Amino acid sequence: RRNRAMAYTQLKQYDRALADYDAIVAAEPIPKHYAWRCKARALYAEDFSSALPDCQKAISNDQHLADAYAGWVIVEYRQGKYADVVSDCGLIKDKGIFDGDAMYVCGLAETKAGDAKLGERMIRESNGVGIEDGDRLKEIGIGS
């Protein structure tokens, strides 16, 4: 089902992708699945703040789920909370669970609310941003 959800995102059928993530969590409510839905909601839901409860549930049960942290900082960035993103990125980095999406968003926030040179370096190093995620980040106004 996750493969289908990911295919829907590539087709920009976000409602269908989110419905699949809902079904995944309903069928097996484990932290990893909450983390997947957290990130999907942060990226694709109109009400992106709906991602936060899933992010919190995933993180409180497993401190090593990169998708949950990525979803968290994407929501904060979309809310314009750049200083919060920078602060949370420090925690994520300390835990060693940066994925490409989180590093990219953290870099952008750093350029807005912190050290522009560090932010630019983080953006360059975030080559792990998936093509579909990178396109969506641009669609929702994150990045260029």
N, C-alpha and C. Protein backbone atom coordinates (compact mmCIF):
# COMPACT_ATOMS: atom_id res chain seq x y z
N ARG A 1 0.82 -1.20 0.00
CA ARG A 1 0.00 0.00 0.00
C ARG A 1 0.87 1.27 0.00
N ARG A 2 2.02 1.22 0.68
CA ARG A 2 2.87 2.41 0.68
C ARG A 2 3.38 2.70 -0.73
N ASN A 3 3.72 1.67 -1.46
CA ASN A 3 4.18 1.90 -2.83
C ASN A 3 3.11 2.61 -3.65
N ARG A 4 1.86 2.22 -3.43
CA ARG A 4 0.77 2.87 -4.15
C ARG A 4 0.63 4.33 -3.70
N ALA A 5 0.74 4.57 -2.42
CA ALA A 5 0.67 5.95 -1.91
C ALA A 5 1.78 6.80 -2.51
N MET A 6 2.97 6.24 -2.58
CA MET A 6 4.08 6.98 -3.17
C MET A 6 3.85 7.22 -4.66
N ALA A 7 3.25 6.25 -5.35
CA ALA A 7 2.93 6.44 -6.76
C ALA A 7 1.90 7.56 -6.93
N TYR A 8 0.92 7.59 -6.04
CA TYR A 8 -0.08 8.67 -6.11
C TYR A 8 0.58 10.04 -5.93
N THR A 9 1.57 10.12 -5.05
CA THR A 9 2.22 11.43 -4.86
C THR A 9 2.96 11.84 -6.13
N GLN A 10 3.57 10.88 -6.81
CA GLN A 10 4.26 11.21 -8.05
C GLN A 10 3.27 11.69 -9.12
N LEU A 11 2.04 11.17 -9.06
CA LEU A 11 1.00 11.58 -9.99
C LEU A 11 0.27 12.84 -9.52
N LYS A 12 0.69 13.36 -8.37
CA LYS A 12 0.09 14.54 -7.75
C LYS A 12 -1.38 14.31 -7.37
N GLN A 13 -1.69 13.07 -7.04
CA GLN A 13 -3.02 12.70 -6.54
C GLN A 13 -2.92 12.57 -5.02
N TYR A 14 -2.77 13.73 -4.40
CA TYR A 14 -2.44 13.77 -2.98
C TYR A 14 -3.55 13.23 -2.09
N ASP A 15 -4.80 13.48 -2.43
CA ASP A 15 -5.90 12.95 -1.62
C ASP A 15 -5.87 11.42 -1.58
N ARG A 16 -5.59 10.81 -2.73
CA ARG A 16 -5.52 9.35 -2.77
C ARG A 16 -4.32 8.84 -1.97
N ALA A 17 -3.21 9.54 -2.08
CA ALA A 17 -2.02 9.14 -1.30
C ALA A 17 -2.31 9.22 0.19
N LEU A 18 -2.92 10.31 0.62
CA LEU A 18 -3.23 10.47 2.04
C LEU A 18 -4.22 9.41 2.51
N ALA A 19 -5.18 9.05 1.67
CA ALA A 19 -6.14 8.00 2.03
C ALA A 19 -5.41 6.67 2.23
N ASP A 20 -4.42 6.39 1.39
CA ASP A 20 -3.64 5.16 1.57
C ASP A 20 -2.85 5.21 2.87
N TYR A 21 -2.26 6.35 3.20
CA TYR A 21 -1.53 6.44 4.47
C TYR A 21 -2.48 6.28 5.65
N ASP A 22 -3.70 6.81 5.55
CA ASP A 22 -4.70 6.59 6.60
C ASP A 22 -5.00 5.10 6.76
N ALA A 23 -5.15 4.40 5.63
CA ALA A 23 -5.44 2.97 5.68
C ALA A 23 -4.27 2.18 6.26
N ILE A 24 -3.06 2.58 5.96
CA ILE A 24 -1.87 1.91 6.50
C ILE A 24 -1.87 2.02 8.02
N VAL A 25 -2.12 3.22 8.53
CA VAL A 25 -2.13 3.43 9.99
C VAL A 25 -3.29 2.67 10.63
N ALA A 26 -4.45 2.68 9.98
CA ALA A 26 -5.61 1.97 10.53
C ALA A 26 -5.35 0.47 10.61
N ALA A 27 -4.68 -0.07 9.62
CA ALA A 27 -4.42 -1.51 9.58
C ALA A 27 -3.34 -1.93 10.57
N GLU A 28 -2.35 -1.07 10.76
CA GLU A 28 -1.25 -1.40 11.66
C GLU A 28 -0.69 -0.11 12.27
N PRO A 29 -1.26 0.31 13.40
CA PRO A 29 -0.85 1.59 14.02
C PRO A 29 0.46 1.49 14.79
N ILE A 30 1.55 1.41 14.05
CA ILE A 30 2.88 1.34 14.66
C ILE A 30 3.61 2.66 14.39
N PRO A 31 4.62 2.98 15.20
CA PRO A 31 5.30 4.27 15.05
C PRO A 31 5.79 4.58 13.64
N LYS A 32 6.35 3.60 12.95
CA LYS A 32 6.86 3.83 11.60
C LYS A 32 5.74 4.31 10.67
N HIS A 33 4.56 3.74 10.81
CA HIS A 33 3.44 4.14 9.95
C HIS A 33 2.93 5.53 10.31
N TYR A 34 2.93 5.87 11.59
CA TYR A 34 2.59 7.24 11.98
C TYR A 34 3.60 8.22 11.41
N ALA A 35 4.88 7.84 11.40
CA ALA A 35 5.91 8.70 10.85
C ALA A 35 5.70 8.93 9.35
N TRP A 36 5.36 7.87 8.62
CA TRP A 36 5.08 8.03 7.18
C TRP A 36 3.93 8.99 6.95
N ARG A 37 2.84 8.79 7.74
CA ARG A 37 1.67 9.65 7.56
C ARG A 37 1.95 11.07 8.01
N CYS A 38 2.76 11.23 9.03
CA CYS A 38 3.17 12.55 9.49
C CYS A 38 3.81 13.33 8.35
N LYS A 39 4.80 12.72 7.72
CA LYS A 39 5.51 13.41 6.65
C LYS A 39 4.58 13.64 5.46
N ALA A 40 3.76 12.67 5.13
CA ALA A 40 2.83 12.83 4.01
C ALA A 40 1.86 13.98 4.27
N ARG A 41 1.31 14.04 5.48
CA ARG A 41 0.38 15.14 5.79
C ARG A 41 1.10 16.49 5.77
N ALA A 42 2.34 16.52 6.27
CA ALA A 42 3.10 17.78 6.26
C ALA A 42 3.30 18.28 4.84
N LEU A 43 3.54 17.36 3.92
CA LEU A 43 3.80 17.72 2.54
C LEU A 43 2.54 17.92 1.70
N TYR A 44 1.53 17.09 1.92
CA TYR A 44 0.43 17.01 0.95
C TYR A 44 -0.94 17.45 1.44
N ALA A 45 -1.14 17.54 2.74
CA ALA A 45 -2.46 17.89 3.25
C ALA A 45 -2.69 19.40 3.18
N GLU A 46 -3.91 19.78 2.85
CA GLU A 46 -4.28 21.20 2.90
C GLU A 46 -4.09 21.72 4.32
N ASP A 47 -4.59 20.94 5.29
CA ASP A 47 -4.41 21.27 6.70
C ASP A 47 -3.15 20.56 7.19
N PHE A 48 -1.99 21.11 6.80
CA PHE A 48 -0.72 20.44 7.11
C PHE A 48 -0.46 20.31 8.59
N SER A 49 -1.09 21.15 9.42
CA SER A 49 -0.88 21.02 10.86
C SER A 49 -1.47 19.72 11.40
N SER A 50 -2.33 19.06 10.61
CA SER A 50 -2.86 17.76 11.03
C SER A 50 -1.75 16.72 11.13
N ALA A 51 -0.58 17.03 10.61
CA ALA A 51 0.56 16.11 10.70
C ALA A 51 1.11 16.01 12.11
N LEU A 52 1.00 17.09 12.88
CA LEU A 52 1.69 17.14 14.17
C LEU A 52 1.33 16.02 15.15
N PRO A 53 0.03 15.66 15.31
CA PRO A 53 -0.25 14.54 16.23
C PRO A 53 0.42 13.23 15.81
N ASP A 54 0.48 12.98 14.50
CA ASP A 54 1.17 11.78 14.03
C ASP A 54 2.67 11.87 14.29
N CYS A 55 3.25 13.03 14.05
CA CYS A 55 4.67 13.22 14.32
C CYS A 55 4.96 12.95 15.80
N GLN A 56 4.14 13.53 16.67
CA GLN A 56 4.34 13.36 18.11
C GLN A 56 4.19 11.90 18.52
N LYS A 57 3.17 11.22 17.98
CA LYS A 57 2.95 9.82 18.34
C LYS A 57 4.13 8.96 17.89
N ALA A 58 4.62 9.21 16.69
CA ALA A 58 5.76 8.44 16.19
C ALA A 58 7.00 8.68 17.04
N ILE A 59 7.31 9.95 17.29
CA ILE A 59 8.52 10.30 18.03
C ILE A 59 8.46 9.81 19.48
N SER A 60 7.29 9.90 20.10
CA SER A 60 7.20 9.47 21.50
C SER A 60 7.38 7.96 21.65
N ASN A 61 7.17 7.21 20.58
CA ASN A 61 7.31 5.76 20.65
C ASN A 61 8.58 5.23 20.00
N ASP A 62 9.23 6.05 19.19
CA ASP A 62 10.48 5.65 18.55
C ASP A 62 11.25 6.91 18.18
N GLN A 63 12.33 7.17 18.88
CA GLN A 63 13.11 8.41 18.72
C GLN A 63 13.97 8.43 17.46
N HIS A 64 13.89 7.42 16.61
CA HIS A 64 14.80 7.32 15.47
C HIS A 64 14.09 7.28 14.12
N LEU A 65 12.92 7.88 14.03
CA LEU A 65 12.15 7.87 12.79
C LEU A 65 12.33 9.19 12.05
N ALA A 66 13.20 9.19 11.06
CA ALA A 66 13.55 10.41 10.34
C ALA A 66 12.32 11.06 9.70
N ASP A 67 11.39 10.28 9.17
CA ASP A 67 10.21 10.87 8.53
C ASP A 67 9.40 11.71 9.50
N ALA A 68 9.32 11.30 10.76
CA ALA A 68 8.56 12.06 11.75
C ALA A 68 9.21 13.42 12.01
N TYR A 69 10.53 13.43 12.14
CA TYR A 69 11.23 14.70 12.36
C TYR A 69 11.16 15.59 11.12
N ALA A 70 11.27 14.99 9.94
CA ALA A 70 11.16 15.76 8.70
C ALA A 70 9.77 16.39 8.62
N GLY A 71 8.74 15.62 8.90
CA GLY A 71 7.38 16.16 8.88
C GLY A 71 7.22 17.31 9.86
N TRP A 72 7.79 17.13 11.04
CA TRP A 72 7.70 18.17 12.09
C TRP A 72 8.28 19.50 11.61
N VAL A 73 9.51 19.45 11.06
CA VAL A 73 10.14 20.71 10.64
C VAL A 73 9.49 21.29 9.40
N ILE A 74 8.93 20.44 8.54
CA ILE A 74 8.20 20.95 7.37
C ILE A 74 6.98 21.74 7.83
N VAL A 75 6.25 21.21 8.80
CA VAL A 75 5.07 21.93 9.33
C VAL A 75 5.51 23.25 9.94
N GLU A 76 6.54 23.23 10.77
CA GLU A 76 7.01 24.48 11.39
C GLU A 76 7.41 25.50 10.33
N TYR A 77 8.10 25.04 9.30
CA TYR A 77 8.52 25.95 8.23
C TYR A 77 7.30 26.53 7.53
N ARG A 78 6.33 25.69 7.22
CA ARG A 78 5.12 26.16 6.54
C ARG A 78 4.35 27.16 7.41
N GLN A 79 4.52 27.06 8.73
CA GLN A 79 3.88 28.01 9.64
C GLN A 79 4.70 29.28 9.81
N GLY A 80 5.87 29.35 9.19
CA GLY A 80 6.73 30.52 9.31
C GLY A 80 7.53 30.57 10.59
N LYS A 81 7.66 29.46 11.28
CA LYS A 81 8.39 29.40 12.55
C LYS A 81 9.85 29.01 12.31
N TYR A 82 10.57 29.88 11.62
CA TYR A 82 11.93 29.57 11.19
C TYR A 82 12.88 29.36 12.35
N ALA A 83 12.77 30.17 13.39
CA ALA A 83 13.65 30.00 14.56
C ALA A 83 13.38 28.66 15.24
N ASP A 84 12.13 28.24 15.29
CA ASP A 84 11.80 26.92 15.86
C ASP A 84 12.41 25.80 15.03
N VAL A 85 12.34 25.97 13.70
CA VAL A 85 12.93 24.96 12.81
C VAL A 85 14.43 24.86 13.11
N VAL A 86 15.10 25.99 13.18
CA VAL A 86 16.55 25.99 13.43
C VAL A 86 16.84 25.29 14.76
N SER A 87 16.09 25.60 15.79
CA SER A 87 16.28 24.97 17.10
C SER A 87 16.05 23.46 17.03
N ASP A 88 14.96 23.07 16.41
CA ASP A 88 14.64 21.63 16.31
C ASP A 88 15.65 20.90 15.43
N CYS A 89 16.18 21.59 14.43
CA CYS A 89 17.18 20.96 13.57
C CYS A 89 18.44 20.63 14.35
N GLY A 90 18.78 21.46 15.31
CA GLY A 90 19.93 21.15 16.17
C GLY A 90 19.71 19.86 16.92
N LEU A 91 18.50 19.65 17.42
CA LEU A 91 18.18 18.41 18.13
C LEU A 91 18.22 17.20 17.19
N ILE A 92 17.66 17.39 15.99
CA ILE A 92 17.64 16.29 15.02
C ILE A 92 19.07 15.91 14.63
N LYS A 93 19.88 16.92 14.40
CA LYS A 93 21.27 16.67 14.03
C LYS A 93 22.01 15.94 15.14
N ASP A 94 21.78 16.36 16.40
CA ASP A 94 22.42 15.71 17.53
C ASP A 94 22.03 14.23 17.62
N LYS A 95 20.79 13.91 17.23
CA LYS A 95 20.33 12.52 17.26
C LYS A 95 20.85 11.72 16.06
N GLY A 96 21.38 12.42 15.06
CA GLY A 96 21.93 11.74 13.89
C GLY A 96 20.88 11.16 12.97
N ILE A 97 19.71 11.81 12.90
CA ILE A 97 18.64 11.25 12.08
C ILE A 97 18.14 12.23 11.03
N PHE A 98 19.05 13.00 10.49
CA PHE A 98 18.73 13.93 9.41
C PHE A 98 18.45 13.15 8.13
N ASP A 99 17.30 13.35 7.51
CA ASP A 99 17.14 12.86 6.15
C ASP A 99 17.27 14.06 5.22
N GLY A 100 17.29 13.81 3.93
CA GLY A 100 17.52 14.89 2.97
C GLY A 100 16.48 15.98 3.04
N ASP A 101 15.21 15.60 3.22
CA ASP A 101 14.14 16.61 3.30
C ASP A 101 14.33 17.51 4.51
N ALA A 102 14.61 16.90 5.65
CA ALA A 102 14.79 17.70 6.87
C ALA A 102 16.01 18.61 6.73
N MET A 103 17.10 18.09 6.18
CA MET A 103 18.30 18.92 6.03
C MET A 103 18.02 20.10 5.10
N TYR A 104 17.27 19.85 4.03
CA TYR A 104 16.93 20.92 3.09
C TYR A 104 16.10 22.01 3.77
N VAL A 105 15.05 21.60 4.47
CA VAL A 105 14.18 22.56 5.15
C VAL A 105 14.94 23.27 6.27
N CYS A 106 15.77 22.54 6.98
CA CYS A 106 16.59 23.15 8.03
C CYS A 106 17.54 24.18 7.44
N GLY A 107 18.13 23.86 6.30
CA GLY A 107 19.02 24.81 5.63
C GLY A 107 18.29 26.08 5.22
N LEU A 108 17.09 25.92 4.66
CA LEU A 108 16.31 27.10 4.28
C LEU A 108 15.97 27.96 5.50
N ALA A 109 15.57 27.30 6.59
CA ALA A 109 15.24 28.05 7.81
C ALA A 109 16.48 28.74 8.36
N GLU A 110 17.60 28.06 8.29
CA GLU A 110 18.86 28.65 8.78
C GLU A 110 19.19 29.92 7.99
N THR A 111 18.95 29.92 6.68
CA THR A 111 19.23 31.12 5.89
C THR A 111 18.30 32.26 6.26
N LYS A 112 17.10 31.96 6.75
CA LYS A 112 16.13 33.00 7.12
C LYS A 112 16.30 33.48 8.56
N ALA A 113 16.71 32.58 9.47
CA ALA A 113 16.70 32.94 10.89
C ALA A 113 18.01 32.68 11.61
N GLY A 114 19.03 32.36 10.87
CA GLY A 114 20.28 32.02 11.55
C GLY A 114 21.48 32.40 10.73
N ASP A 115 22.29 31.45 10.44
CA ASP A 115 23.56 31.61 9.74
C ASP A 115 23.36 31.27 8.26
N ALA A 116 23.36 32.28 7.40
CA ALA A 116 23.08 32.09 5.98
C ALA A 116 24.09 31.14 5.32
N LYS A 117 25.36 31.24 5.68
CA LYS A 117 26.37 30.37 5.07
C LYS A 117 26.15 28.91 5.47
N LEU A 118 25.85 28.70 6.74
CA LEU A 118 25.55 27.34 7.19
C LEU A 118 24.31 26.82 6.47
N GLY A 119 23.29 27.64 6.36
CA GLY A 119 22.08 27.24 5.66
C GLY A 119 22.34 26.85 4.22
N GLU A 120 23.14 27.63 3.53
CA GLU A 120 23.47 27.32 2.14
C GLU A 120 24.22 26.01 2.04
N ARG A 121 25.13 25.76 2.98
CA ARG A 121 25.88 24.50 2.97
C ARG A 121 24.92 23.32 3.22
N MET A 122 24.00 23.48 4.15
CA MET A 122 23.04 22.41 4.43
C MET A 122 22.18 22.11 3.20
N ILE A 123 21.76 23.15 2.51
CA ILE A 123 20.95 22.96 1.30
C ILE A 123 21.75 22.17 0.27
N ARG A 124 23.01 22.54 0.07
CA ARG A 124 23.85 21.81 -0.90
C ARG A 124 24.02 20.35 -0.49
N GLU A 125 24.15 20.10 0.81
CA GLU A 125 24.38 18.73 1.30
C GLU A 125 23.12 17.89 1.37
N SER A 126 21.98 18.48 1.09
CA SER A 126 20.71 17.76 1.22
C SER A 126 20.35 17.01 -0.04
N ASN A 127 21.33 16.51 -0.74
CA ASN A 127 21.06 15.83 -2.00
C ASN A 127 20.19 14.60 -1.85
N GLY A 128 19.81 14.24 -0.64
CA GLY A 128 18.92 13.11 -0.42
C GLY A 128 17.46 13.45 -0.62
N VAL A 129 17.14 14.71 -0.94
CA VAL A 129 15.74 15.08 -1.15
C VAL A 129 15.25 14.34 -2.38
N GLY A 130 14.19 13.53 -2.19
CA GLY A 130 13.62 12.79 -3.32
C GLY A 130 13.02 13.73 -4.35
N ILE A 131 13.02 13.31 -5.57
CA ILE A 131 12.51 14.16 -6.64
C ILE A 131 11.07 14.57 -6.36
N GLU A 132 10.22 13.61 -5.97
CA GLU A 132 8.82 13.96 -5.72
C GLU A 132 8.69 14.90 -4.52
N ASP A 133 9.50 14.69 -3.48
CA ASP A 133 9.45 15.59 -2.33
C ASP A 133 9.98 16.96 -2.69
N GLY A 134 11.06 17.01 -3.46
CA GLY A 134 11.63 18.29 -3.86
C GLY A 134 10.64 19.10 -4.69
N ASP A 135 9.95 18.44 -5.61
CA ASP A 135 8.93 19.13 -6.41
C ASP A 135 7.81 19.65 -5.51
N ARG A 136 7.38 18.83 -4.58
CA ARG A 136 6.28 19.25 -3.70
C ARG A 136 6.73 20.38 -2.79
N LEU A 137 7.94 20.34 -2.28
CA LEU A 137 8.43 21.43 -1.44
C LEU A 137 8.36 22.74 -2.21
N LYS A 138 8.73 22.71 -3.47
CA LYS A 138 8.65 23.93 -4.29
C LYS A 138 7.19 24.35 -4.51
N GLU A 139 6.30 23.38 -4.74
CA GLU A 139 4.88 23.68 -4.95
C GLU A 139 4.27 24.40 -3.75
N ILE A 140 4.69 24.03 -2.55
CA ILE A 140 4.10 24.62 -1.34
C ILE A 140 4.91 25.81 -0.84
N GLY A 141 5.85 26.27 -1.66
CA GLY A 141 6.57 27.50 -1.35
C GLY A 141 7.79 27.34 -0.49
N ILE A 142 8.32 26.13 -0.41
CA ILE A 142 9.55 25.90 0.35
C ILE A 142 10.66 25.69 -0.66
N GLY A 143 11.55 26.65 -0.75
CA GLY A 143 12.65 26.55 -1.69
C GLY A 143 12.35 27.26 -2.98
N SER A 144 13.19 27.06 -3.96
CA SER A 144 13.01 27.75 -5.23
C SER A 144 12.86 26.79 -6.38
